[in-house]
PDB file of all heavy atoms in Angstrom:
ATOM      1  N   LYS A   1     -15.792   5.790   3.580  1.00  0.00           N
ATOM      2  CA  LYS A   1     -15.775   4.341   3.683  1.00  0.00           C
ATOM      3  C   LYS A   1     -14.683   3.827   4.608  1.00  0.00           C
ATOM      4  O   LYS A   1     -14.489   2.613   4.712  1.00  0.00           O
ATOM      5  CB  LYS A   1     -15.600   3.714   2.302  1.00  0.00           C
ATOM      6  CG  LYS A   1     -16.745   3.999   1.344  1.00  0.00           C
ATOM      7  CD  LYS A   1     -16.514   3.315   0.008  1.00  0.00           C
ATOM      8  CE  LYS A   1     -17.672   3.556  -0.940  1.00  0.00           C
ATOM      9  NZ  LYS A   1     -17.447   2.902  -2.252  1.00  0.00           N
ATOM     10  N   ASN A   2     -13.956   4.722   5.246  1.00  0.00           N
ATOM     11  CA  ASN A   2     -12.852   4.333   6.132  1.00  0.00           C
ATOM     12  C   ASN A   2     -11.863   3.419   5.418  1.00  0.00           C
ATOM     13  O   ASN A   2     -11.380   2.435   5.985  1.00  0.00           O
ATOM     14  CB  ASN A   2     -13.379   3.646   7.388  1.00  0.00           C
ATOM     15  CG  ASN A   2     -13.929   4.621   8.414  1.00  0.00           C
ATOM     16  OD1 ASN A   2     -14.162   5.794   8.119  1.00  0.00           O
ATOM     17  ND2 ASN A   2     -14.153   4.136   9.629  1.00  0.00           N
ATOM     18  N   THR A   3     -11.547   3.755   4.190  1.00  0.00           N
ATOM     19  CA  THR A   3     -10.733   2.877   3.362  1.00  0.00           C
ATOM     20  C   THR A   3      -9.636   3.650   2.644  1.00  0.00           C
ATOM     21  O   THR A   3      -9.867   4.752   2.151  1.00  0.00           O
ATOM     22  CB  THR A   3     -11.598   2.150   2.324  1.00  0.00           C
ATOM     23  OG1 THR A   3     -12.629   1.416   2.992  1.00  0.00           O
ATOM     24  CG2 THR A   3     -10.769   1.186   1.499  1.00  0.00           C
ATOM     25  N   VAL A   4      -8.465   3.050   2.601  1.00  0.00           N
ATOM     26  CA  VAL A   4      -7.362   3.569   1.812  1.00  0.00           C
ATOM     27  C   VAL A   4      -7.006   2.515   0.769  1.00  0.00           C
ATOM     28  O   VAL A   4      -7.097   1.315   1.037  1.00  0.00           O
ATOM     29  CB  VAL A   4      -6.146   3.934   2.693  1.00  0.00           C
ATOM     30  CG1 VAL A   4      -5.591   2.704   3.406  1.00  0.00           C
ATOM     31  CG2 VAL A   4      -5.068   4.618   1.865  1.00  0.00           C
ATOM     32  N   TYR A   5      -6.623   2.965  -0.415  1.00  0.00           N
ATOM     33  CA  TYR A   5      -6.333   2.072  -1.522  1.00  0.00           C
ATOM     34  C   TYR A   5      -4.909   2.278  -2.021  1.00  0.00           C
ATOM     35  O   TYR A   5      -4.317   3.344  -1.869  1.00  0.00           O
ATOM     36  CB  TYR A   5      -7.287   2.321  -2.687  1.00  0.00           C
ATOM     37  CG  TYR A   5      -8.748   2.236  -2.335  1.00  0.00           C
ATOM     38  CD1 TYR A   5      -9.466   3.387  -2.017  1.00  0.00           C
ATOM     39  CD2 TYR A   5      -9.411   1.016  -2.327  1.00  0.00           C
ATOM     40  CE1 TYR A   5     -10.809   3.316  -1.697  1.00  0.00           C
ATOM     41  CE2 TYR A   5     -10.753   0.940  -2.009  1.00  0.00           C
ATOM     42  CZ  TYR A   5     -11.448   2.086  -1.694  1.00  0.00           C
ATOM     43  OH  TYR A   5     -12.785   2.017  -1.381  1.00  0.00           O
ATOM     44  N   LEU A   6      -4.390   1.244  -2.640  1.00  0.00           N
ATOM     45  CA  LEU A   6      -3.134   1.351  -3.363  1.00  0.00           C
ATOM     46  C   LEU A   6      -3.334   0.703  -4.725  1.00  0.00           C
ATOM     47  O   LEU A   6      -3.436  -0.520  -4.824  1.00  0.00           O
ATOM     48  CB  LEU A   6      -1.981   0.672  -2.622  1.00  0.00           C
ATOM     49  CG  LEU A   6      -0.613   0.816  -3.284  1.00  0.00           C
ATOM     50  CD1 LEU A   6      -0.154   2.274  -3.249  1.00  0.00           C
ATOM     51  CD2 LEU A   6       0.425  -0.072  -2.606  1.00  0.00           C
ATOM     52  N   GLN A   7      -3.423   1.528  -5.746  1.00  0.00           N
ATOM     53  CA  GLN A   7      -3.522   1.038  -7.111  1.00  0.00           C
ATOM     54  C   GLN A   7      -2.115   0.786  -7.624  1.00  0.00           C
ATOM     55  O   GLN A   7      -1.300   1.710  -7.670  1.00  0.00           O
ATOM     56  CB  GLN A   7      -4.242   2.045  -7.999  1.00  0.00           C
ATOM     57  CG  GLN A   7      -4.362   1.620  -9.453  1.00  0.00           C
ATOM     58  CD  GLN A   7      -5.248   0.412  -9.626  1.00  0.00           C
ATOM     59  OE1 GLN A   7      -6.333   0.353  -9.061  1.00  0.00           O
ATOM     60  NE2 GLN A   7      -4.783  -0.564 -10.402  1.00  0.00           N
ATOM     61  N   MET A   8      -1.836  -0.436  -8.005  1.00  0.00           N
ATOM     62  CA  MET A   8      -0.510  -0.844  -8.414  1.00  0.00           C
ATOM     63  C   MET A   8      -0.546  -1.245  -9.885  1.00  0.00           C
ATOM     64  O   MET A   8      -1.189  -2.224 -10.252  1.00  0.00           O
ATOM     65  CB  MET A   8      -0.020  -2.007  -7.550  1.00  0.00           C
ATOM     66  CG  MET A   8      -0.107  -1.721  -6.051  1.00  0.00           C
ATOM     67  SD  MET A   8       0.081  -3.198  -5.009  1.00  0.00           S
ATOM     68  CE  MET A   8       1.782  -3.634  -5.341  1.00  0.00           C
ATOM     69  N   ASN A   9       0.141  -0.483 -10.706  1.00  0.00           N
ATOM     70  CA  ASN A   9       0.192  -0.736 -12.140  1.00  0.00           C
ATOM     71  C   ASN A   9       1.620  -1.050 -12.569  1.00  0.00           C
ATOM     72  O   ASN A   9       2.576  -0.748 -11.869  1.00  0.00           O
ATOM     73  CB  ASN A   9      -0.318   0.471 -12.924  1.00  0.00           C
ATOM     74  CG  ASN A   9      -1.754   0.812 -12.622  1.00  0.00           C
ATOM     75  OD1 ASN A   9      -2.575  -0.062 -12.362  1.00  0.00           O
ATOM     76  ND2 ASN A   9      -2.082   2.101 -12.679  1.00  0.00           N
ATOM     77  N   SER A  10       1.741  -1.627 -13.743  1.00  0.00           N
ATOM     78  CA  SER A  10       3.051  -1.960 -14.315  1.00  0.00           C
ATOM     79  C   SER A  10       3.919  -2.692 -13.307  1.00  0.00           C
ATOM     80  O   SER A  10       5.083  -2.347 -13.078  1.00  0.00           O
ATOM     81  CB  SER A  10       3.751  -0.684 -14.806  1.00  0.00           C
ATOM     82  OG  SER A  10       2.979  -0.018 -15.779  1.00  0.00           O
ATOM     83  N   LEU A  11       3.371  -3.718 -12.718  1.00  0.00           N
ATOM     84  CA  LEU A  11       4.062  -4.427 -11.649  1.00  0.00           C
ATOM     85  C   LEU A  11       5.312  -5.133 -12.147  1.00  0.00           C
ATOM     86  O   LEU A  11       5.350  -5.669 -13.256  1.00  0.00           O
ATOM     87  CB  LEU A  11       3.120  -5.430 -10.996  1.00  0.00           C
ATOM     88  CG  LEU A  11       2.081  -4.804 -10.054  1.00  0.00           C
ATOM     89  CD1 LEU A  11       0.958  -5.781  -9.775  1.00  0.00           C
ATOM     90  CD2 LEU A  11       2.747  -4.373  -8.751  1.00  0.00           C
ATOM     91  N   LYS A  12       6.315  -5.120 -11.294  1.00  0.00           N
ATOM     92  CA  LYS A  12       7.585  -5.767 -11.562  1.00  0.00           C
ATOM     93  C   LYS A  12       7.822  -6.872 -10.542  1.00  0.00           C
ATOM     94  O   LYS A  12       7.243  -6.863  -9.459  1.00  0.00           O
ATOM     95  CB  LYS A  12       8.735  -4.752 -11.479  1.00  0.00           C
ATOM     96  CG  LYS A  12       8.574  -3.522 -12.354  1.00  0.00           C
ATOM     97  CD  LYS A  12       9.690  -2.523 -12.082  1.00  0.00           C
ATOM     98  CE  LYS A  12       9.536  -1.277 -12.929  1.00  0.00           C
ATOM     99  NZ  LYS A  12      10.597  -0.281 -12.645  1.00  0.00           N
ATOM    100  N   HIS A  13       8.703  -7.802 -10.891  1.00  0.00           N
ATOM    101  CA  HIS A  13       9.036  -8.867  -9.957  1.00  0.00           C
ATOM    102  C   HIS A  13       9.571  -8.300  -8.641  1.00  0.00           C
ATOM    103  O   HIS A  13       9.324  -8.870  -7.576  1.00  0.00           O
ATOM    104  CB  HIS A  13      10.056  -9.814 -10.573  1.00  0.00           C
ATOM    105  CG  HIS A  13      10.466 -10.930  -9.674  1.00  0.00           C
ATOM    106  ND1 HIS A  13       9.601 -11.936  -9.307  1.00  0.00           N
ATOM    107  CD2 HIS A  13      11.639 -11.191  -9.046  1.00  0.00           C
ATOM    108  CE1 HIS A  13      10.221 -12.777  -8.503  1.00  0.00           C
ATOM    109  NE2 HIS A  13      11.462 -12.350  -8.331  1.00  0.00           N
ATOM    110  N   GLU A  14      10.284  -7.184  -8.728  1.00  0.00           N
ATOM    111  CA  GLU A  14      10.849  -6.554  -7.548  1.00  0.00           C
ATOM    112  C   GLU A  14       9.792  -6.018  -6.588  1.00  0.00           C
ATOM    113  O   GLU A  14      10.106  -5.685  -5.444  1.00  0.00           O
ATOM    114  CB  GLU A  14      11.788  -5.405  -7.942  1.00  0.00           C
ATOM    115  CG  GLU A  14      12.919  -5.817  -8.868  1.00  0.00           C
ATOM    116  CD  GLU A  14      12.514  -5.703 -10.322  1.00  0.00           C
ATOM    117  OE1 GLU A  14      12.640  -4.596 -10.889  1.00  0.00           O
ATOM    118  OE2 GLU A  14      12.078  -6.728 -10.892  1.00  0.00           O
ATOM    119  N   ASP A  15       8.550  -5.912  -7.045  1.00  0.00           N
ATOM    120  CA  ASP A  15       7.464  -5.456  -6.193  1.00  0.00           C
ATOM    121  C   ASP A  15       6.924  -6.565  -5.302  1.00  0.00           C
ATOM    122  O   ASP A  15       6.034  -6.309  -4.481  1.00  0.00           O
ATOM    123  CB  ASP A  15       6.324  -4.886  -7.033  1.00  0.00           C
ATOM    124  CG  ASP A  15       6.732  -3.651  -7.810  1.00  0.00           C
ATOM    125  OD1 ASP A  15       7.455  -2.797  -7.245  1.00  0.00           O
ATOM    126  OD2 ASP A  15       6.328  -3.535  -8.986  1.00  0.00           O
ATOM    127  N   THR A  16       7.412  -7.779  -5.452  1.00  0.00           N
ATOM    128  CA  THR A  16       6.953  -8.899  -4.647  1.00  0.00           C
ATOM    129  C   THR A  16       7.324  -8.682  -3.182  1.00  0.00           C
ATOM    130  O   THR A  16       8.502  -8.641  -2.833  1.00  0.00           O
ATOM    131  CB  THR A  16       7.562 -10.208  -5.153  1.00  0.00           C
ATOM    132  OG1 THR A  16       7.095 -10.471  -6.476  1.00  0.00           O
ATOM    133  CG2 THR A  16       7.170 -11.368  -4.248  1.00  0.00           C
ATOM    134  N   ASP A  17       6.315  -8.536  -2.356  1.00  0.00           N
ATOM    135  CA  ASP A  17       6.512  -8.245  -0.941  1.00  0.00           C
ATOM    136  C   ASP A  17       5.192  -8.461  -0.212  1.00  0.00           C
ATOM    137  O   ASP A  17       4.140  -8.634  -0.837  1.00  0.00           O
ATOM    138  CB  ASP A  17       6.946  -6.784  -0.718  1.00  0.00           C
ATOM    139  CG  ASP A  17       8.399  -6.532  -1.001  1.00  0.00           C
ATOM    140  OD1 ASP A  17       9.255  -7.252  -0.463  1.00  0.00           O
ATOM    141  OD2 ASP A  17       8.698  -5.575  -1.754  1.00  0.00           O
ATOM    142  N   VAL A  18       5.265  -8.435   1.110  1.00  0.00           N
ATOM    143  CA  VAL A  18       4.071  -8.298   1.917  1.00  0.00           C
ATOM    144  C   VAL A  18       3.801  -6.812   2.067  1.00  0.00           C
ATOM    145  O   VAL A  18       4.680  -6.050   2.477  1.00  0.00           O
ATOM    146  CB  VAL A  18       4.221  -8.955   3.304  1.00  0.00           C
ATOM    147  CG1 VAL A  18       2.980  -8.711   4.149  1.00  0.00           C
ATOM    148  CG2 VAL A  18       4.476 -10.447   3.153  1.00  0.00           C
ATOM    149  N   TYR A  19       2.608  -6.393   1.729  1.00  0.00           N
ATOM    150  CA  TYR A  19       2.240  -4.992   1.783  1.00  0.00           C
ATOM    151  C   TYR A  19       1.383  -4.733   3.009  1.00  0.00           C
ATOM    152  O   TYR A  19       0.403  -5.439   3.262  1.00  0.00           O
ATOM    153  CB  TYR A  19       1.490  -4.590   0.512  1.00  0.00           C
ATOM    154  CG  TYR A  19       2.407  -4.425  -0.667  1.00  0.00           C
ATOM    155  CD1 TYR A  19       2.959  -5.533  -1.295  1.00  0.00           C
ATOM    156  CD2 TYR A  19       2.748  -3.163  -1.137  1.00  0.00           C
ATOM    157  CE1 TYR A  19       3.832  -5.392  -2.359  1.00  0.00           C
ATOM    158  CE2 TYR A  19       3.614  -3.009  -2.202  1.00  0.00           C
ATOM    159  CZ  TYR A  19       4.154  -4.128  -2.811  1.00  0.00           C
ATOM    160  OH  TYR A  19       5.014  -3.974  -3.874  1.00  0.00           O
ATOM    161  N   TYR A  20       1.769  -3.714   3.753  1.00  0.00           N
ATOM    162  CA  TYR A  20       1.102  -3.367   4.992  1.00  0.00           C
ATOM    163  C   TYR A  20       0.443  -2.002   4.891  1.00  0.00           C
ATOM    164  O   TYR A  20       1.017  -1.061   4.338  1.00  0.00           O
ATOM    165  CB  TYR A  20       2.093  -3.334   6.157  1.00  0.00           C
ATOM    166  CG  TYR A  20       2.726  -4.660   6.483  1.00  0.00           C
ATOM    167  CD1 TYR A  20       3.895  -5.066   5.859  1.00  0.00           C
ATOM    168  CD2 TYR A  20       2.146  -5.507   7.426  1.00  0.00           C
ATOM    169  CE1 TYR A  20       4.477  -6.285   6.162  1.00  0.00           C
ATOM    170  CE2 TYR A  20       2.728  -6.722   7.733  1.00  0.00           C
ATOM    171  CZ  TYR A  20       3.892  -7.103   7.097  1.00  0.00           C
ATOM    172  OH  TYR A  20       4.474  -8.314   7.406  1.00  0.00           O
ATOM    173  N   CYS A  21      -0.726  -1.917   5.443  1.00  0.00           N
ATOM    174  CA  CYS A  21      -1.398  -0.651   5.653  1.00  0.00           C
ATOM    175  C   CYS A  21      -0.976  -0.115   7.014  1.00  0.00           C
ATOM    176  O   CYS A  21      -0.883  -0.865   7.981  1.00  0.00           O
ATOM    177  CB  CYS A  21      -2.909  -0.860   5.595  1.00  0.00           C
ATOM    178  SG  CYS A  21      -3.902   0.612   5.889  1.00  0.00           S
ATOM    179  N   ALA A  22      -0.706   1.175   7.095  1.00  0.00           N
ATOM    180  CA  ALA A  22      -0.263   1.775   8.341  1.00  0.00           C
ATOM    181  C   ALA A  22      -0.946   3.115   8.556  1.00  0.00           C
ATOM    182  O   ALA A  22      -1.359   3.780   7.599  1.00  0.00           O
ATOM    183  CB  ALA A  22       1.254   1.963   8.343  1.00  0.00           C
ATOM    184  N   ALA A  23      -1.049   3.513   9.813  1.00  0.00           N
ATOM    185  CA  ALA A  23      -1.729   4.751  10.167  1.00  0.00           C
ATOM    186  C   ALA A  23      -1.071   5.399  11.365  1.00  0.00           C
ATOM    187  O   ALA A  23      -0.452   4.735  12.195  1.00  0.00           O
ATOM    188  CB  ALA A  23      -3.202   4.471  10.478  1.00  0.00           C
ATOM    189  N   ASP A  24      -1.220   6.700  11.445  1.00  0.00           N
ATOM    190  CA  ASP A  24      -0.754   7.431  12.611  1.00  0.00           C
ATOM    191  C   ASP A  24      -1.413   8.797  12.649  1.00  0.00           C
ATOM    192  O   ASP A  24      -1.753   9.359  11.604  1.00  0.00           O
ATOM    193  CB  ASP A  24       0.766   7.583  12.613  1.00  0.00           C
ATOM    194  CG  ASP A  24       1.321   7.745  14.023  1.00  0.00           C
ATOM    195  OD1 ASP A  24       1.315   8.890  14.530  1.00  0.00           O
ATOM    196  OD2 ASP A  24       1.741   6.734  14.596  1.00  0.00           O
ATOM    197  N   LEU A  25      -1.570   9.313  13.857  1.00  0.00           N
ATOM    198  CA  LEU A  25      -2.181  10.622  14.064  1.00  0.00           C
ATOM    199  C   LEU A  25      -1.185  11.758  13.972  1.00  0.00           C
ATOM    200  O   LEU A  25      -1.587  12.912  13.829  1.00  0.00           O
ATOM    201  CB  LEU A  25      -2.868  10.677  15.433  1.00  0.00           C
ATOM    202  CG  LEU A  25      -4.079   9.783  15.653  1.00  0.00           C
ATOM    203  CD1 LEU A  25      -4.458   9.790  17.123  1.00  0.00           C
ATOM    204  CD2 LEU A  25      -5.241  10.254  14.789  1.00  0.00           C
ATOM    205  N   ARG A  26       0.109  11.442  14.044  1.00  0.00           N
ATOM    206  CA  ARG A  26       1.125  12.469  14.222  1.00  0.00           C
ATOM    207  C   ARG A  26       1.918  12.801  12.979  1.00  0.00           C
ATOM    208  O   ARG A  26       2.873  13.569  13.039  1.00  0.00           O
ATOM    209  CB  ARG A  26       2.088  12.035  15.338  1.00  0.00           C
ATOM    210  CG  ARG A  26       1.417  11.742  16.670  1.00  0.00           C
ATOM    211  CD  ARG A  26       2.377  11.072  17.612  1.00  0.00           C
ATOM    212  NE  ARG A  26       2.816   9.783  17.089  1.00  0.00           N
ATOM    213  CZ  ARG A  26       3.770   9.029  17.627  1.00  0.00           C
ATOM    214  NH1 ARG A  26       4.410   9.447  18.713  1.00  0.00           N
ATOM    215  NH2 ARG A  26       4.092   7.869  17.088  1.00  0.00           N
ATOM    216  N   ILE A  27       1.553  12.232  11.850  1.00  0.00           N
ATOM    217  CA  ILE A  27       2.303  12.434  10.624  1.00  0.00           C
ATOM    218  C   ILE A  27       2.113  13.856  10.114  1.00  0.00           C
ATOM    219  O   ILE A  27       1.000  14.391  10.101  1.00  0.00           O
ATOM    220  CB  ILE A  27       1.883  11.428   9.550  1.00  0.00           C
ATOM    221  CG1 ILE A  27       2.034   9.998  10.078  1.00  0.00           C
ATOM    222  CG2 ILE A  27       2.689  11.616   8.277  1.00  0.00           C
ATOM    223  CD1 ILE A  27       3.452   9.636  10.448  1.00  0.00           C
TER     224      ILE A  27
END
């Protein structure tokens, strides 16, 4: 599906952020 997921559980206030998806061929 050309899709990556991030399941986020037990969220805390400190998790408040802008979340970015990133990719690279060289990792």
